[in-house]
């Protein structure tokens, strides 16, 4: 099964220098136990957290830490990551043991994790400024609602 990742790159407006990083970020451990997205997801979670924390401090410089923490938690949780992933149709690009079987829905947690892994992949391939712009663009509505 061949997946056309160029459509995803267009949707997120980022052309990867090394597409292998993008593919790895969307590879679940059920598809490949060794070359999968777990470590990139770990990194992406931290990068997402840094960008969101920085933005919240800019928007709410006089807010108490407890309030910022609640806003932060709502912006980086699995529910929000799943919403972002669904907005960009990320599940179409995820490699799992059942890839190609349209009848089997990919679990929400896997899709949300791939969103974090995508953040990590963008950071690895393009650097902090590009990933920060990606996050601020795709999380914009959620940040406004916070």
Foldseek 3Di string as FASTA:
>chain_A
DDDDCVLLCVLLVHDFPDCLLLLQLQEDCQQPVPSHLPVLLVQLLVLLLVLLLVVLCVVCVPDDPVVSVVLSCVLSDLVNLLVLLVVSVVQLRHDHNPPPPVVDGDDSSSSSSSSSSNLSSCCVGPNNVSSSVSSCVSCVVSNVVD
